[in-house]
């Protein structure tokens, strides 16, 4: 069965870097074409192993192929979970998750997105996240306040928290967070969930210790969440680096305030 809903073009402001904007538009158009041509099961089919060592679904391949064309048009470098590092001799590298929430995207669950950060000299300077099914976009520049803000919540009690699904070894920590918060959501799309933290829809997002995140899962949040008044840190305090080696993993914590991030981390690590 095909997914019958159209995918709108992202709603981008004129000040988005042209290469980042082109990649986002290419991703949305490719995902829309993929949904019109392939069934849910076809989109979910694993067609290869990505550069990060995880399976590549057909939906990932289709969208990333379109982004690769965009990257070459704009003569910038690319770091992506599927293709790895693509060197076009530029001082700019786009660190991109072509489809965050691939399983959602393949089955038509309307919770998936494109996420890309513009990196120069090892520093993320600009970020763009676009929600495929709505066209909503979050754009931010490092050190420049955004028009949206976090909730400002400082305590876990009463908080609304997005959690990565419980995995082997994280169940106890997962339950400690769930039992302390007011609301828990598992949306299976880190890039989109961290944007909900940035805009104040939820108070926090956390991976309670599974070390699932690659740098492209967190790159946009690294710019956008602080620009909105929040924080993005690793559960164990490890620094985020933009290296082509995609074996590096983190457990990301995005929170409305440093105080909330500290309490979340203490709840996971200290019981």
Protein backbone atom coordinates (compact mmCIF):
# COMPACT_ATOMS: atom_id res chain seq x y z
CA UNK A 1 0.00 0.00 0.00
CA UNK A 2 1.26 3.45 -0.96
CA UNK A 3 1.24 6.35 1.48
CA UNK A 4 -1.37 8.70 -0.05
CA UNK A 5 -0.42 12.01 1.62
CA UNK A 6 1.65 14.66 -0.15
CA UNK A 7 4.94 15.87 1.33
CA UNK A 8 5.01 19.69 1.37
CA UNK A 9 8.09 21.72 0.61
CA UNK A 10 9.74 23.03 3.80
CA UNK A 11 8.86 26.54 4.95
CA UNK A 12 12.28 28.19 4.83
CA UNK A 13 13.29 31.77 5.51
CA UNK A 14 15.48 33.64 3.03
CA UNK A 15 18.49 33.68 5.37
CA UNK A 16 19.11 29.92 5.35
CA UNK A 17 22.47 29.11 3.75
CA UNK A 18 21.78 28.18 0.09
CA UNK A 19 23.47 24.77 0.32
CA UNK A 20 21.53 23.86 3.45
CA UNK A 21 18.25 25.07 1.98
CA UNK A 22 18.83 23.18 -1.28
CA UNK A 23 19.58 19.95 0.59
CA UNK A 24 16.42 20.28 2.68
CA UNK A 25 14.22 20.93 -0.36
CA UNK A 26 15.81 18.02 -2.22
CA UNK A 27 15.14 15.73 0.74
CA UNK A 28 11.46 16.64 0.97
CA UNK A 29 10.92 16.29 -2.77
CA UNK A 30 12.66 12.91 -2.84
CA UNK A 31 10.67 11.61 0.12
CA UNK A 32 7.46 12.72 -1.56
CA UNK A 33 8.40 10.89 -4.76
CA UNK A 34 9.39 7.80 -2.78
CA UNK A 35 5.99 7.67 -1.07
CA UNK A 36 4.18 7.98 -4.39
CA UNK A 37 6.16 5.17 -6.04
CA UNK A 38 6.88 2.61 -3.30
CA UNK A 39 4.78 0.73 -0.79
CA UNK A 40 5.42 0.91 2.93
CA UNK A 41 7.14 -2.46 2.92
CA UNK A 42 9.33 -1.48 -0.02
CA UNK A 43 10.42 1.72 1.70
CA UNK A 44 11.26 -0.29 4.84
CA UNK A 45 13.43 -2.81 2.93
CA UNK A 46 17.09 -2.85 3.97
CA UNK A 47 19.13 -2.34 0.80
CA UNK A 48 22.67 -1.85 2.18
CA UNK A 49 24.75 -1.08 5.24
CA UNK A 50 25.44 2.61 5.80
CA UNK A 51 28.82 4.16 6.55
CA UNK A 52 27.87 4.17 10.22
CA UNK A 53 27.43 0.38 10.20
CA UNK A 54 23.64 0.40 10.52
CA UNK A 55 21.23 -0.89 7.85
CA UNK A 56 20.16 1.50 5.10
CA UNK A 57 16.47 1.38 4.20
CA UNK A 58 15.26 2.12 0.69
CA UNK A 59 13.71 5.38 1.93
CA UNK A 60 17.13 6.44 3.29
CA UNK A 61 18.83 5.59 0.00
CA UNK A 62 16.33 7.51 -2.13
CA UNK A 63 16.50 10.66 -0.02
CA UNK A 64 20.26 10.61 0.42
CA UNK A 65 20.81 10.16 -3.34
CA UNK A 66 18.87 13.39 -3.89
CA UNK A 67 20.91 15.15 -1.22
CA UNK A 68 24.15 13.96 -2.83
CA UNK A 69 23.11 15.62 -6.08
CA UNK A 70 22.44 18.80 -4.12
CA UNK A 71 25.83 18.61 -2.39
CA UNK A 72 27.63 18.31 -5.71
CA UNK A 73 25.60 21.18 -7.18
CA UNK A 74 26.64 23.43 -4.33
CA UNK A 75 30.24 22.13 -4.14
CA UNK A 76 30.23 21.57 -0.38
CA UNK A 77 31.36 18.53 1.59
CA UNK A 78 28.99 16.02 3.17
CA UNK A 79 29.07 13.88 6.30
CA UNK A 80 26.10 11.54 6.36
CA UNK A 81 25.18 8.29 8.08
CA UNK A 82 24.73 6.45 4.80
CA UNK A 83 27.39 7.89 2.46
CA UNK A 84 29.97 8.77 5.11
CA UNK A 85 32.30 11.65 4.20
CA UNK A 86 32.13 13.13 0.70
CA UNK A 87 34.96 15.57 0.00
CA UNK A 88 34.27 18.32 -2.52
CA UNK A 89 37.27 20.38 -1.44
CA UNK A 90 35.15 22.94 0.39
CA UNK A 91 35.73 24.68 3.73
CA UNK A 92 32.08 23.88 4.50
CA UNK A 93 30.76 20.45 5.45
CA UNK A 94 27.08 19.69 5.80
CA UNK A 95 26.54 17.12 8.55
CA UNK A 96 23.24 15.58 7.62
CA UNK A 97 20.71 12.99 8.71
CA UNK A 98 18.74 12.57 5.46
CA UNK A 99 15.79 10.86 7.15
CA UNK A 100 15.68 10.88 10.92
CA UNK A 101 12.97 8.48 12.01
CA UNK A 102 13.43 6.18 9.02
CA UNK A 103 11.01 3.51 10.27
CA UNK A 104 8.37 6.16 10.86
CA UNK A 105 8.98 7.57 7.39
CA UNK A 106 8.76 4.18 5.73
CA UNK A 107 5.44 3.27 7.31
CA UNK A 108 3.85 6.69 7.01
CA UNK A 109 3.95 7.64 10.68
CA UNK A 110 4.12 11.45 10.35
CA UNK A 111 7.15 11.84 12.64
CA UNK A 112 10.30 12.07 10.54
CA UNK A 113 12.54 14.87 9.38
CA UNK A 114 15.60 16.11 7.53
CA UNK A 115 18.33 17.50 9.77
CA UNK A 116 21.47 19.30 8.65
CA UNK A 117 24.18 21.40 10.26
CA UNK A 118 26.71 23.60 8.46
CA UNK A 119 30.17 23.00 9.95
CA UNK A 120 33.33 25.07 9.40
CA UNK A 121 36.67 24.35 11.07
CA UNK A 122 35.09 21.71 13.28
CA UNK A 123 32.40 24.05 14.61
CA UNK A 124 28.69 23.91 13.83
CA UNK A 125 27.68 27.39 12.64
CA UNK A 126 24.12 26.92 11.37
CA UNK A 127 21.40 24.28 11.62
CA UNK A 128 18.18 23.42 9.83
CA UNK A 129 15.61 20.77 10.71
CA UNK A 130 12.53 20.26 8.52
CA UNK A 131 9.52 18.14 9.47
CA UNK A 132 8.61 16.17 6.36
CA UNK A 133 4.87 15.80 6.87
CA UNK A 134 4.15 19.39 7.87
CA UNK A 135 6.84 21.50 6.17
CA UNK A 136 7.63 23.13 9.53
CA UNK A 137 11.27 24.20 9.82
CA UNK A 138 13.60 25.18 12.67
CA UNK A 139 16.57 27.31 11.66
CA UNK A 140 19.26 28.65 13.95
CA UNK A 141 22.76 30.12 13.96
CA UNK A 142 25.29 29.49 16.70
CA UNK A 143 25.31 32.27 19.27
CA UNK A 144 22.26 34.01 17.81
CA UNK A 145 19.01 33.80 19.84
CA UNK A 146 16.07 32.25 18.02
CA UNK A 147 12.48 33.43 17.85
CA UNK A 148 11.45 30.30 19.78
CA UNK A 149 12.41 29.47 23.36
CA UNK A 150 12.54 26.47 25.66
CA UNK A 151 10.07 26.16 28.54
CA UNK A 152 12.68 27.17 31.11
CA UNK A 153 11.75 24.27 33.39
CA UNK A 154 14.40 23.47 35.99
CA UNK A 155 13.07 20.31 37.69
CA UNK A 156 12.15 16.82 36.53
CA UNK A 157 9.04 16.70 38.69
CA UNK A 158 6.18 17.86 36.49
CA UNK A 159 8.29 17.75 33.33
CA UNK A 160 7.28 16.52 29.91
CA UNK A 161 10.13 14.32 28.61
CA UNK A 162 10.79 12.55 25.33
CA UNK A 163 12.75 9.33 25.82
CA UNK A 164 14.54 7.02 23.47
CA UNK A 165 12.85 3.63 23.64
CA UNK A 166 14.23 1.37 26.40
CA UNK A 167 17.05 -0.87 25.24
CA UNK A 168 19.03 -3.64 26.87
CA UNK A 169 20.80 -2.25 29.91
CA UNK A 170 18.83 1.00 30.06
CA UNK A 171 15.47 -0.26 31.32
CA UNK A 172 15.99 0.65 34.97
CA UNK A 173 17.22 4.15 34.15
CA UNK A 174 14.36 4.57 31.67
CA UNK A 175 11.82 3.73 34.35
CA UNK A 176 13.41 6.10 36.86
CA UNK A 177 12.95 8.96 34.42
CA UNK A 178 9.44 7.84 33.51
CA UNK A 179 8.38 7.54 37.14
CA UNK A 180 9.75 10.99 38.03
CA UNK A 181 8.37 12.98 35.09
CA UNK A 182 4.80 14.08 34.48
CA UNK A 183 4.56 13.07 30.81
CA UNK A 184 6.62 10.64 28.72
CA UNK A 185 6.71 10.36 24.94
CA UNK A 186 8.62 7.97 22.67
CA UNK A 187 8.51 9.40 19.14
CA UNK A 188 11.52 7.57 17.63
CA UNK A 189 13.04 10.62 15.95
CA UNK A 190 15.77 12.33 17.97
CA UNK A 191 16.26 15.28 15.61
CA UNK A 192 12.58 16.18 15.72
CA UNK A 193 12.28 15.58 19.47
CA UNK A 194 15.18 17.89 20.26
CA UNK A 195 13.51 20.60 18.18
CA UNK A 196 10.40 20.18 20.33
CA UNK A 197 12.65 20.92 23.31
CA UNK A 198 13.98 24.03 21.57
CA UNK A 199 10.53 25.42 20.80
CA UNK A 200 9.13 24.69 24.27
CA UNK A 201 6.71 21.93 23.30
CA UNK A 202 8.42 19.47 25.68
CA UNK A 203 10.89 20.10 28.49
CA UNK A 204 13.60 17.57 27.63
CA UNK A 205 14.78 14.64 25.54
CA UNK A 206 17.21 11.98 26.76
CA UNK A 207 18.87 8.75 25.69
CA UNK A 208 19.20 7.04 29.11
CA UNK A 209 22.52 5.39 28.36
CA UNK A 210 22.23 3.32 25.19
CA UNK A 211 24.92 5.31 23.33
CA UNK A 212 22.82 5.23 20.18
CA UNK A 213 23.49 8.73 18.86
CA UNK A 214 25.87 9.53 16.04
CA UNK A 215 26.97 13.09 15.44
CA UNK A 216 24.34 13.66 12.72
CA UNK A 217 21.62 12.76 15.24
CA UNK A 218 22.71 15.65 17.47
CA UNK A 219 24.34 18.19 15.15
CA UNK A 220 21.26 20.37 14.61
CA UNK A 221 20.37 20.30 18.31
CA UNK A 222 23.92 21.37 19.15
CA UNK A 223 23.14 24.70 17.48
CA UNK A 224 19.39 25.09 17.89
CA UNK A 225 18.78 24.07 21.51
CA UNK A 226 21.37 26.49 23.01
CA UNK A 227 20.16 29.26 20.68
CA UNK A 228 16.69 28.75 22.20
CA UNK A 229 18.01 29.00 25.76
CA UNK A 230 18.48 25.28 26.48
CA UNK A 231 21.42 22.90 26.66
CA UNK A 232 22.60 19.84 24.77
CA UNK A 233 25.10 17.59 26.53
CA UNK A 234 26.25 13.98 26.54
CA UNK A 235 25.11 11.79 29.43
CA UNK A 236 28.74 11.08 30.36
CA UNK A 237 30.13 14.53 29.59
CA UNK A 238 31.89 13.51 26.37
CA UNK A 239 32.53 16.34 23.91
CA UNK A 240 30.75 16.34 20.55
CA UNK A 241 33.12 16.14 17.57
CA UNK A 242 32.52 16.35 13.83
CA UNK A 243 34.88 13.61 12.69
CA UNK A 244 34.40 11.39 9.62
CA UNK A 245 34.77 8.37 11.93
CA UNK A 246 31.14 7.35 12.44
CA UNK A 247 31.93 4.75 15.09
CA UNK A 248 31.73 7.51 17.75
CA UNK A 249 28.54 7.33 19.79
CA UNK A 250 26.86 9.48 22.42
CA UNK A 251 23.81 9.50 24.69
CA UNK A 252 22.35 12.91 24.03
CA UNK A 253 20.51 14.99 26.64
CA UNK A 254 18.59 18.06 25.45
CA UNK A 255 16.95 20.09 28.19
CA UNK A 256 15.22 23.41 28.71
CA UNK A 257 17.82 24.44 31.33
CA UNK A 258 21.18 23.26 32.70
CA UNK A 259 19.48 22.44 36.01
CA UNK A 260 17.01 20.08 34.33
CA UNK A 261 19.81 18.42 32.35
CA UNK A 262 21.77 17.85 35.55
CA UNK A 263 18.80 16.26 37.30
CA UNK A 264 18.08 14.00 34.33
CA UNK A 265 21.71 12.84 34.24
CA UNK A 266 21.79 12.26 38.01
CA UNK A 267 18.56 10.25 37.80
CA UNK A 268 20.03 8.01 35.10
CA UNK A 269 23.50 7.55 36.60
CA UNK A 270 22.84 7.59 40.32
CA UNK A 271 19.45 5.96 40.66
